[in-house]
Amino acid sequence: LKPELKSHIKTVHLKQSQLMSLHKGDLEVGVRFIAACHDAVSLQHAQQIGCDAVFVSPVKVTETHPEARALGWDRFADLIDKCQIPVFALGGMSPDDLATAQQHGAYGLAGIRNF
């Protein structure tokens, strides 16, 4: 990252592989971190190291990752049940999914294609 751009960054999206390589104290103060999580281990790790929020995916089948097994709403809800930071449902989401996501414990939605 170019040093002149670093001062403008306020939020960092961590891939699950990046997340799992970090430890408590590694996150830069003053920057928000949102981690991609696909399982209970990464979700717990994101909380332990101080991430501000997580994307949990894929909830539904998605065109961008057709090989990934969708969690479904019930598994999603079980996975995030004890999460203490905001969770955004990701994977096959559209604005019409917001109420369902919130009924299953999500703070909100994330997506690109359908938004």
Protein backbone atom coordinates (compact mmCIF):
# COMPACT_ATOMS: atom_id res chain seq x y z
CA LEU A 1 0.00 0.00 0.00
CA LYS A 2 1.35 3.42 -0.93
CA PRO A 3 2.18 5.47 2.18
CA GLU A 4 0.29 8.51 0.85
CA LEU A 5 -2.90 6.42 0.61
CA LYS A 6 -2.58 4.72 3.99
CA SER A 7 -3.76 7.81 5.91
CA HIS A 8 -7.07 7.73 3.99
CA ILE A 9 -7.94 4.14 4.88
CA LYS A 10 -10.53 3.88 7.63
CA THR A 11 -11.75 0.28 7.18
CA VAL A 12 -9.95 -2.90 6.13
CA HIS A 13 -11.65 -6.06 4.84
CA LEU A 14 -9.69 -9.14 5.86
CA LYS A 15 -9.98 -12.38 3.90
CA GLN A 16 -10.33 -15.40 6.17
CA SER A 17 -6.74 -16.45 5.43
CA GLN A 18 -5.48 -12.99 6.42
CA LEU A 19 -7.62 -13.02 9.56
CA MET A 20 -6.27 -16.36 10.71
CA SER A 21 -2.67 -15.16 10.39
CA LEU A 22 -3.25 -12.28 12.84
CA HIS A 23 -3.05 -12.19 16.63
CA LYS A 24 -4.48 -9.97 19.35
CA GLY A 25 -2.60 -6.66 19.19
CA ASP A 26 -1.88 -6.88 15.45
CA LEU A 27 -4.79 -4.67 14.37
CA GLU A 28 -3.91 -1.03 13.79
CA VAL A 29 -5.54 1.39 16.24
CA GLY A 30 -7.87 3.88 14.57
CA VAL A 31 -8.71 1.56 11.68
CA ARG A 32 -11.83 -0.60 11.59
CA PHE A 33 -11.45 -4.25 10.62
CA ILE A 34 -14.18 -6.40 9.09
CA ALA A 35 -13.31 -10.05 8.56
CA ALA A 36 -14.69 -12.64 6.16
CA CYS A 37 -15.67 -15.76 8.10
CA HIS A 38 -16.88 -19.11 6.82
CA ASP A 39 -16.85 -21.20 9.98
CA ALA A 40 -17.01 -21.08 13.79
CA VAL A 41 -13.22 -21.06 14.24
CA SER A 42 -12.70 -17.93 12.12
CA LEU A 43 -15.72 -16.22 13.69
CA GLN A 44 -14.32 -16.79 17.18
CA HIS A 45 -10.86 -15.66 16.08
CA ALA A 46 -12.22 -12.41 14.61
CA GLN A 47 -13.79 -11.56 17.95
CA GLN A 48 -10.70 -12.54 19.95
CA ILE A 49 -8.32 -10.33 17.99
CA GLY A 50 -10.66 -7.31 18.04
CA CYS A 51 -12.37 -7.11 14.65
CA ASP A 52 -15.20 -4.60 14.53
CA ALA A 53 -17.59 -6.75 12.46
CA VAL A 54 -17.69 -9.85 10.27
CA PHE A 55 -19.12 -11.00 6.97
CA VAL A 56 -20.42 -14.58 7.28
CA SER A 57 -20.79 -16.42 3.99
CA PRO A 58 -22.03 -17.93 1.85
CA VAL A 59 -25.55 -17.92 3.23
CA LYS A 60 -27.10 -18.75 -0.14
CA VAL A 61 -25.73 -20.12 -3.38
CA THR A 62 -23.79 -17.41 -5.17
CA GLU A 63 -22.67 -17.04 -8.79
CA THR A 64 -19.23 -15.79 -7.75
CA HIS A 65 -18.44 -18.93 -5.72
CA PRO A 66 -20.61 -21.72 -7.19
CA GLU A 67 -18.42 -24.43 -5.62
CA ALA A 68 -18.95 -23.13 -2.08
CA ARG A 69 -21.55 -24.93 0.01
CA ALA A 70 -24.25 -22.51 1.18
CA LEU A 71 -24.88 -22.31 4.93
CA GLY A 72 -28.61 -21.66 4.73
CA TRP A 73 -30.42 -19.46 7.24
CA ASP A 74 -30.64 -21.99 10.08
CA ARG A 75 -26.90 -22.84 10.01
CA PHE A 76 -26.11 -19.13 9.69
CA ALA A 77 -28.19 -18.39 12.82
CA ASP A 78 -26.53 -21.23 14.76
CA LEU A 79 -23.07 -20.06 13.71
CA ILE A 80 -23.54 -16.45 14.82
CA ASP A 81 -25.70 -17.13 17.89
CA LYS A 82 -23.06 -16.09 20.43
CA CYS A 83 -21.26 -13.53 18.29
CA GLN A 84 -20.62 -10.28 20.17
CA ILE A 85 -19.85 -8.08 17.15
CA PRO A 86 -22.05 -7.08 14.18
CA VAL A 87 -22.54 -9.81 11.58
CA PHE A 88 -23.37 -9.12 7.95
CA ALA A 89 -24.90 -11.94 5.90
CA LEU A 90 -23.10 -12.39 2.58
CA GLY A 91 -23.49 -14.70 -0.38
CA GLY A 92 -26.45 -14.55 -2.75
CA MET A 93 -28.01 -11.67 -0.83
CA SER A 94 -30.41 -9.08 -2.22
CA PRO A 95 -32.16 -6.17 -0.47
CA ASP A 96 -35.23 -8.41 -0.10
CA ASP A 97 -33.24 -10.63 2.31
CA LEU A 98 -32.77 -7.96 4.98
CA ALA A 99 -35.75 -8.87 7.18
CA THR A 100 -34.92 -12.59 6.99
CA ALA A 101 -31.27 -11.91 7.80
CA GLN A 102 -32.21 -9.82 10.83
CA GLN A 103 -34.68 -12.49 12.01
CA HIS A 104 -31.71 -14.89 11.97
CA GLY A 105 -29.46 -12.58 14.00
CA ALA A 106 -27.66 -10.57 11.33
CA TYR A 107 -26.96 -6.88 11.77
CA GLY A 108 -27.33 -6.40 8.04
CA LEU A 109 -26.44 -7.58 4.55
CA ALA A 110 -23.45 -7.34 2.26
CA GLY A 111 -23.33 -7.95 -1.44
CA ILE A 112 -22.55 -6.54 -4.84
CA ARG A 113 -24.44 -8.21 -7.69
CA ASN A 114 -28.00 -7.64 -6.40
CA PHE A 115 -27.54 -4.22 -4.82
